[in-house]
Amino acid sequence: MRTMFLAVTLAVLSVIYWPANTAIAQETQVARGTVSDMSGSSITIQVRDEAMKFAVDANTQVEARGASTKTRQLAATGQPGPKLSDILTVGQPVAVTYLQASGATPRASMIRAVPSVGTGGSVAADELRSNGTVKSLGANSITIVGGSGGGATFEQTFQISTDTKVVGKGLGTATAASGGKALFSDLIAAGDQVSVEYHKAGDRLQASDVRVTAKK
């Protein structure tokens, strides 16, 4: 049996908490551009010739170098979490994941610092996402279950690889304690609530991002 080690994203500003056993499989959009403006409730990025503004709130995740360190420093002094301007800078390339709301400013669910956005940036469909409770773990897979509305239930199995990211509160500490690498089964257990970002690879579902939203 092949042992699977995964990289854990440490630079997370906040963790999204979804309702238990709720399945959401929806196609979001990702805008890639450079930061042009920030406030306490929004971020604007330049995508080619267009300025795109997104609302941000306490559930918006930010992944950037130094975010975890800044969060811990503020928490140690009793201060609230960092502002966007504490972590990101104007001119920095980012990828903003969002779901367009009719007649409203789109809300950013995630903002990731990226090395480059290419020539001018882009807007494209993001991956799918499902939320549920972990039923079981395999050597290179994770199976989740949940309800999809109207009394219906679902079960999905996702393939994992060394490129699959695992994000969750306290997982950075667990990974550091194991020398920077951790077994998938050391980070996630049956009964945990998770949000899985994935894409279709033939007849399989490939997980690119597994977020632990609540431990059992």
C-alpha atoms as a PDB file:
ATOM      1  CA  MET A   1       0.000   0.000   0.000  1.00  0.00           C
ATOM      2  CA  ARG A   2       1.430   3.346  -1.029  1.00  0.00           C
ATOM      3  CA  THR A   3       1.834   5.869   1.796  1.00  0.00           C
ATOM      4  CA  MET A   4       0.388   9.230   0.894  1.00  0.00           C
ATOM      5  CA  PHE A   5       1.976  12.412   2.223  1.00  0.00           C
ATOM      6  CA  LEU A   6       0.309  15.738   1.516  1.00  0.00           C
ATOM      7  CA  ALA A   7       1.334  19.343   1.723  1.00  0.00           C
ATOM      8  CA  VAL A   8      -0.696  21.436   4.135  1.00  0.00           C
ATOM      9  CA  THR A   9      -1.455  25.066   3.382  1.00  0.00           C
ATOM     10  CA  LEU A  10      -0.429  27.014   6.468  1.00  0.00           C
ATOM     11  CA  ALA A  11      -1.240  30.526   5.314  1.00  0.00           C
ATOM     12  CA  VAL A  12      -4.957  30.636   5.982  1.00  0.00           C
ATOM     13  CA  LEU A  13      -6.617  33.739   7.374  1.00  0.00           C
ATOM     14  CA  SER A  14      -9.896  32.107   8.341  1.00  0.00           C
ATOM     15  CA  VAL A  15     -11.661  28.784   8.084  1.00  0.00           C
ATOM     16  CA  ILE A  16     -15.099  28.488   6.504  1.00  0.00           C
ATOM     17  CA  TYR A  17     -17.640  26.592   8.600  1.00  0.00           C
ATOM     18  CA  TRP A  18     -20.407  24.991   6.510  1.00  0.00           C
ATOM     19  CA  PRO A  19     -23.648  23.559   7.918  1.00  0.00           C
ATOM     20  CA  ALA A  20     -23.235  19.889   8.775  1.00  0.00           C
ATOM     21  CA  ASN A  21     -23.951  17.299   6.092  1.00  0.00           C
ATOM     22  CA  THR A  22     -24.837  19.820   3.411  1.00  0.00           C
ATOM     23  CA  ALA A  23     -23.753  19.069  -0.139  1.00  0.00           C
ATOM     24  CA  ILE A  24     -22.837  21.918  -2.420  1.00  0.00           C
ATOM     25  CA  ALA A  25     -21.540  21.188  -5.895  1.00  0.00           C
ATOM     26  CA  GLN A  26     -21.410  24.443  -7.752  1.00  0.00           C
ATOM     27  CA  GLU A  27     -19.257  26.004 -10.386  1.00  0.00           C
ATOM     28  CA  THR A  28     -17.634  29.198  -9.239  1.00  0.00           C
ATOM     29  CA  GLN A  29     -15.468  31.671 -11.095  1.00  0.00           C
ATOM     30  CA  VAL A  30     -11.844  32.631 -10.571  1.00  0.00           C
ATOM     31  CA  ALA A  31     -10.576  36.075 -11.496  1.00  0.00           C
ATOM     32  CA  ARG A  32      -6.807  36.456 -11.753  1.00  0.00           C
ATOM     33  CA  GLY A  33      -5.362  39.934 -11.656  1.00  0.00           C
ATOM     34  CA  THR A  34      -3.339  42.400  -9.603  1.00  0.00           C
ATOM     35  CA  VAL A  35      -4.605  44.120  -6.465  1.00  0.00           C
ATOM     36  CA  SER A  36      -5.493  47.758  -7.126  1.00  0.00           C
ATOM     37  CA  ASP A  37      -7.444  48.682  -3.972  1.00  0.00           C
ATOM     38  CA  MET A  38      -8.475  47.234  -0.594  1.00  0.00           C
ATOM     39  CA  SER A  39     -10.799  48.217   2.226  1.00  0.00           C
ATOM     40  CA  GLY A  40     -12.242  46.514   5.271  1.00  0.00           C
ATOM     41  CA  SER A  41     -15.106  45.105   3.234  1.00  0.00           C
ATOM     42  CA  SER A  42     -13.834  44.779  -0.330  1.00  0.00           C
ATOM     43  CA  ILE A  43     -10.925  44.152  -2.670  1.00  0.00           C
ATOM     44  CA  THR A  44     -10.522  45.405  -6.228  1.00  0.00           C
ATOM     45  CA  ILE A  45      -8.246  43.747  -8.734  1.00  0.00           C
ATOM     46  CA  GLN A  46      -7.248  44.802 -12.227  1.00  0.00           C
ATOM     47  CA  VAL A  47      -8.049  42.144 -14.798  1.00  0.00           C
ATOM     48  CA  ARG A  48      -6.804  43.277 -18.189  1.00  0.00           C
ATOM     49  CA  ASP A  49      -8.656  46.554 -18.800  1.00  0.00           C
ATOM     50  CA  GLU A  50     -11.345  45.951 -16.169  1.00  0.00           C
ATOM     51  CA  ALA A  51     -11.370  46.764 -12.449  1.00  0.00           C
ATOM     52  CA  MET A  52     -13.255  43.969 -10.657  1.00  0.00           C
ATOM     53  CA  LYS A  53     -14.528  44.614  -7.123  1.00  0.00           C
ATOM     54  CA  PHE A  54     -15.390  41.837  -4.661  1.00  0.00           C
ATOM     55  CA  ALA A  55     -16.980  41.960  -1.230  1.00  0.00           C
ATOM     56  CA  VAL A  56     -15.015  40.301   1.583  1.00  0.00           C
ATOM     57  CA  ASP A  57     -16.173  39.213   5.026  1.00  0.00           C
ATOM     58  CA  ALA A  58     -15.137  37.050   7.964  1.00  0.00           C
ATOM     59  CA  ASN A  59     -15.688  33.902   5.888  1.00  0.00           C
ATOM     60  CA  THR A  60     -13.349  34.959   3.089  1.00  0.00           C
ATOM     61  CA  GLN A  61     -10.226  32.813   3.136  1.00  0.00           C
ATOM     62  CA  VAL A  62      -6.869  34.383   2.322  1.00  0.00           C
ATOM     63  CA  GLU A  63      -3.862  32.267   1.426  1.00  0.00           C
ATOM     64  CA  ALA A  64      -0.608  34.212   1.283  1.00  0.00           C
ATOM     65  CA  ARG A  65       2.904  33.961   2.622  1.00  0.00           C
ATOM     66  CA  GLY A  66       3.057  35.198   6.221  1.00  0.00           C
ATOM     67  CA  ALA A  67      -0.711  35.142   6.830  1.00  0.00           C
ATOM     68  CA  SER A  68      -0.568  32.487   9.555  1.00  0.00           C
ATOM     69  CA  THR A  69       2.314  34.219  11.330  1.00  0.00           C
ATOM     70  CA  LYS A  70       0.486  37.547  11.296  1.00  0.00           C
ATOM     71  CA  THR A  71      -2.699  35.927  12.601  1.00  0.00           C
ATOM     72  CA  ARG A  72      -0.848  34.279  15.505  1.00  0.00           C
ATOM     73  CA  GLN A  73       0.955  37.493  16.397  1.00  0.00           C
ATOM     74  CA  LEU A  74      -2.286  39.445  16.603  1.00  0.00           C
ATOM     75  CA  ALA A  75      -4.050  36.682  18.551  1.00  0.00           C
ATOM     76  CA  ALA A  76      -1.189  36.610  21.090  1.00  0.00           C
ATOM     77  CA  THR A  77      -1.805  40.293  21.871  1.00  0.00           C
ATOM     78  CA  GLY A  78      -5.584  39.939  22.019  1.00  0.00           C
ATOM     79  CA  GLN A  79      -6.184  41.742  18.740  1.00  0.00           C
ATOM     80  CA  PRO A  80      -8.666  40.713  16.042  1.00  0.00           C
ATOM     81  CA  GLY A  81      -7.489  38.956  12.902  1.00  0.00           C
ATOM     82  CA  PRO A  82      -5.417  40.756  10.264  1.00  0.00           C
ATOM     83  CA  LYS A  83      -6.870  43.068   7.667  1.00  0.00           C
ATOM     84  CA  LEU A  84      -6.354  42.410   3.973  1.00  0.00           C
ATOM     85  CA  SER A  85      -3.779  45.193   3.854  1.00  0.00           C
ATOM     86  CA  ASP A  86      -1.763  43.390   6.551  1.00  0.00           C
ATOM     87  CA  ILE A  87      -1.324  40.401   4.238  1.00  0.00           C
ATOM     88  CA  LEU A  88      -1.684  41.631   0.653  1.00  0.00           C
ATOM     89  CA  THR A  89      -0.219  44.635  -1.121  1.00  0.00           C
ATOM     90  CA  VAL A  90      -1.353  46.794  -4.017  1.00  0.00           C
ATOM     91  CA  GLY A  91       0.140  45.438  -7.230  1.00  0.00           C
ATOM     92  CA  GLN A  92       0.335  41.875  -5.922  1.00  0.00           C
ATOM     93  CA  PRO A  93      -0.957  39.122  -8.272  1.00  0.00           C
ATOM     94  CA  VAL A  94      -3.881  37.192  -6.804  1.00  0.00           C
ATOM     95  CA  ALA A  95      -6.565  34.681  -7.761  1.00  0.00           C
ATOM     96  CA  VAL A  96     -10.031  35.497  -6.395  1.00  0.00           C
ATOM     97  CA  THR A  97     -12.614  32.715  -6.225  1.00  0.00           C
ATOM     98  CA  TYR A  98     -16.189  33.995  -6.253  1.00  0.00           C
ATOM     99  CA  LEU A  99     -19.780  33.163  -7.069  1.00  0.00           C
ATOM    100  CA  GLN A 100     -21.603  35.834  -9.044  1.00  0.00           C
ATOM    101  CA  ALA A 101     -24.763  37.083  -7.290  1.00  0.00           C
ATOM    102  CA  SER A 102     -27.407  38.705  -9.447  1.00  0.00           C
ATOM    103  CA  GLY A 103     -27.569  42.446  -8.899  1.00  0.00           C
ATOM    104  CA  ALA A 104     -24.984  42.420  -6.110  1.00  0.00           C
ATOM    105  CA  THR A 105     -21.254  42.775  -5.706  1.00  0.00           C
ATOM    106  CA  PRO A 106     -19.792  39.269  -6.033  1.00  0.00           C
ATOM    107  CA  ARG A 107     -18.428  37.911  -2.738  1.00  0.00           C
ATOM    108  CA  ALA A 108     -14.901  36.553  -2.611  1.00  0.00           C
ATOM    109  CA  SER A 109     -14.864  33.147  -0.948  1.00  0.00           C
ATOM    110  CA  MET A 110     -11.102  32.808  -1.335  1.00  0.00           C
ATOM    111  CA  ILE A 111      -8.187  35.076  -2.232  1.00  0.00           C
ATOM    112  CA  ARG A 112      -4.898  33.356  -3.068  1.00  0.00           C
ATOM    113  CA  ALA A 113      -1.583  35.054  -3.641  1.00  0.00           C
ATOM    114  CA  VAL A 114      -0.093  33.632  -6.847  1.00  0.00           C
ATOM    115  CA  PRO A 115       3.309  34.047  -8.501  1.00  0.00           C
ATOM    116  CA  SER A 116       1.855  35.480 -11.712  1.00  0.00           C
ATOM    117  CA  VAL A 117      -1.458  36.073 -13.484  1.00  0.00           C
ATOM    118  CA  GLY A 118      -0.046  35.917 -16.998  1.00  0.00           C
ATOM    119  CA  THR A 119      -0.639  38.693 -19.495  1.00  0.00           C
ATOM    120  CA  GLY A 120      -3.177  40.996 -17.903  1.00  0.00           C
ATOM    121  CA  GLY A 121      -5.048  38.328 -15.937  1.00  0.00           C
ATOM    122  CA  SER A 122      -8.131  36.257 -16.736  1.00  0.00           C
ATOM    123  CA  VAL A 123     -11.558  35.080 -15.595  1.00  0.00           C
ATOM    124  CA  ALA A 124     -12.431  31.390 -15.859  1.00  0.00           C
ATOM    125  CA  ALA A 125     -14.650  28.723 -14.362  1.00  0.00           C
ATOM    126  CA  ASP A 126     -13.335  27.279 -11.126  1.00  0.00           C
ATOM    127  CA  GLU A 127     -13.514  23.720  -9.918  1.00  0.00           C
ATOM    128  CA  LEU A 128     -16.526  22.070  -8.317  1.00  0.00           C
ATOM    129  CA  ARG A 129     -16.955  21.839  -4.562  1.00  0.00           C
ATOM    130  CA  SER A 130     -18.823  19.382  -2.322  1.00  0.00           C
ATOM    131  CA  ASN A 131     -19.369  19.599   1.416  1.00  0.00           C
ATOM    132  CA  GLY A 132     -20.145  16.661   3.657  1.00  0.00           C
ATOM    133  CA  THR A 133     -18.971  14.310   6.377  1.00  0.00           C
ATOM    134  CA  VAL A 134     -16.038  11.936   5.923  1.00  0.00           C
ATOM    135  CA  LYS A 135     -17.279   8.347   5.699  1.00  0.00           C
ATOM    136  CA  SER A 136     -13.960   6.623   5.040  1.00  0.00           C
ATOM    137  CA  LEU A 137     -10.368   7.081   3.909  1.00  0.00           C
ATOM    138  CA  GLY A 138      -8.455   4.903   1.470  1.00  0.00           C
ATOM    139  CA  ALA A 139      -4.773   4.767   0.590  1.00  0.00           C
ATOM    140  CA  ASN A 140      -5.335   7.435  -2.046  1.00  0.00           C
ATOM    141  CA  SER A 141      -8.974   8.424  -1.666  1.00  0.00           C
ATOM    142  CA  ILE A 142     -11.556  10.046   0.592  1.00  0.00           C
ATOM    143  CA  THR A 143     -15.286   9.272   0.651  1.00  0.00           C
ATOM    144  CA  ILE A 144     -17.825  11.751   1.989  1.00  0.00           C
ATOM    145  CA  VAL A 145     -21.583  11.546   2.586  1.00  0.00           C
ATOM    146  CA  GLY A 146     -24.288  14.102   3.194  1.00  0.00           C
ATOM    147  CA  GLY A 147     -27.677  15.439   2.207  1.00  0.00           C
ATOM    148  CA  SER A 148     -28.401  17.254  -1.031  1.00  0.00           C
ATOM    149  CA  GLY A 149     -31.798  18.749  -0.205  1.00  0.00           C
ATOM    150  CA  GLY A 150     -35.327  17.420  -0.363  1.00  0.00           C
ATOM    151  CA  GLY A 151     -34.387  14.453   1.785  1.00  0.00           C
ATOM    152  CA  ALA A 152     -31.925  13.115  -0.780  1.00  0.00           C
ATOM    153  CA  THR A 153     -28.506  11.868   0.273  1.00  0.00           C
ATOM    154  CA  PHE A 154     -25.230  11.485  -1.581  1.00  0.00           C
ATOM    155  CA  GLU A 155     -21.931   9.658  -1.389  1.00  0.00           C
ATOM    156  CA  GLN A 156     -18.842  10.734  -3.323  1.00  0.00           C
ATOM    157  CA  THR A 157     -15.338   9.323  -3.504  1.00  0.00           C
ATOM    158  CA  PHE A 158     -12.449  11.574  -4.479  1.00  0.00           C
ATOM    159  CA  GLN A 159      -8.934  10.596  -5.497  1.00  0.00           C
ATOM    160  CA  ILE A 160      -6.105  12.293  -3.611  1.00  0.00           C
ATOM    161  CA  SER A 161      -2.476  12.802  -4.626  1.00  0.00           C
ATOM    162  CA  THR A 162       0.653  14.543  -3.411  1.00  0.00           C
ATOM    163  CA  ASP A 163      -0.718  17.695  -5.070  1.00  0.00           C
ATOM    164  CA  THR A 164      -3.883  17.644  -2.948  1.00  0.00           C
ATOM    165  CA  LYS A 165      -3.826  20.424  -0.357  1.00  0.00           C
ATOM    166  CA  VAL A 166      -5.266  19.913   3.120  1.00  0.00           C
ATOM    167  CA  VAL A 167      -6.389  23.004   5.014  1.00  0.00           C
ATOM    168  CA  GLY A 168      -7.851  23.327   8.481  1.00  0.00           C
ATOM    169  CA  LYS A 169      -7.455  24.914  11.871  1.00  0.00           C
ATOM    170  CA  GLY A 170      -4.571  23.343  13.764  1.00  0.00           C
ATOM    171  CA  LEU A 171      -3.341  21.224  10.864  1.00  0.00           C
ATOM    172  CA  GLY A 172      -0.237  23.353  10.431  1.00  0.00           C
ATOM    173  CA  THR A 173       0.817  22.493  13.987  1.00  0.00           C
ATOM    174  CA  ALA A 174       0.246  18.791  13.361  1.00  0.00           C
ATOM    175  CA  THR A 175       2.276  18.923  10.160  1.00  0.00           C
ATOM    176  CA  ALA A 176       5.141  20.850  11.760  1.00  0.00           C
ATOM    177  CA  ALA A 177       5.288  18.262  14.549  1.00  0.00           C
ATOM    178  CA  SER A 178       5.836  15.535  11.950  1.00  0.00           C
ATOM    179  CA  GLY A 179       8.682  17.355  10.225  1.00  0.00           C
ATOM    180  CA  GLY A 180       6.706  19.245   7.593  1.00  0.00           C
ATOM    181  CA  LYS A 181       4.907  16.228   6.115  1.00  0.00           C
ATOM    182  CA  ALA A 182       1.934  14.324   7.420  1.00  0.00           C
ATOM    183  CA  LEU A 183      -0.113  11.305   6.476  1.00  0.00           C
ATOM    184  CA  PHE A 184      -3.527  12.153   5.091  1.00  0.00           C
ATOM    185  CA  SER A 185      -5.044   9.935   7.785  1.00  0.00           C
ATOM    186  CA  ASP A 186      -3.195  11.942  10.474  1.00  0.00           C
ATOM    187  CA  LEU A 187      -4.999  15.111   9.415  1.00  0.00           C
ATOM    188  CA  ILE A 188      -8.490  13.890   8.531  1.00  0.00           C
ATOM    189  CA  ALA A 189     -10.646  11.215  10.176  1.00  0.00           C
ATOM    190  CA  ALA A 190     -14.051   9.634   9.660  1.00  0.00           C
ATOM    191  CA  GLY A 191     -16.743  11.927  11.041  1.00  0.00           C
ATOM    192  CA  ASP A 192     -14.912  15.160  10.199  1.00  0.00           C
ATOM    193  CA  GLN A 193     -16.855  17.727   8.195  1.00  0.00           C
ATOM    194  CA  VAL A 194     -15.000  18.750   5.043  1.00  0.00           C
ATOM    195  CA  SER A 195     -15.294  20.863   1.927  1.00  0.00           C
ATOM    196  CA  VAL A 196     -13.687  19.222  -1.110  1.00  0.00           C
ATOM    197  CA  GLU A 197     -12.697  21.171  -4.209  1.00  0.00           C
ATOM    198  CA  TYR A 198     -12.331  18.849  -7.180  1.00  0.00           C
ATOM    199  CA  HIS A 199     -12.371  18.392 -10.918  1.00  0.00           C
ATOM    200  CA  LYS A 200     -13.410  15.524 -13.139  1.00  0.00           C
ATOM    201  CA  ALA A 201     -10.616  13.354 -14.534  1.00  0.00           C
ATOM    202  CA  GLY A 202     -12.278  10.847 -16.831  1.00  0.00           C
ATOM    203  CA  ASP A 203     -14.630   8.780 -14.678  1.00  0.00           C
ATOM    204  CA  ARG A 204     -12.896   9.849 -11.460  1.00  0.00           C
ATOM    205  CA  LEU A 205     -13.190  12.875  -9.198  1.00  0.00           C
ATOM    206  CA  GLN A 206      -9.752  14.333  -8.394  1.00  0.00           C
ATOM    207  CA  ALA A 207      -9.520  16.349  -5.166  1.00  0.00           C
ATOM    208  CA  SER A 208      -7.289  19.391  -5.398  1.00  0.00           C
ATOM    209  CA  ASP A 209      -8.203  20.903  -2.036  1.00  0.00           C
ATOM    210  CA  VAL A 210      -9.689  19.347   1.127  1.00  0.00           C
ATOM    211  CA  ARG A 211     -10.719  21.776   3.869  1.00  0.00           C
ATOM    212  CA  VAL A 212     -11.567  20.480   7.323  1.00  0.00           C
ATOM    213  CA  THR A 213     -14.399  22.699   8.504  1.00  0.00           C
ATOM    214  CA  ALA A 214     -15.160  20.873  11.764  1.00  0.00           C
ATOM    215  CA  LYS A 215     -13.429  18.022  13.557  1.00  0.00           C
ATOM    216  CA  LYS A 216     -15.453  15.118  14.857  1.00  0.00           C
END
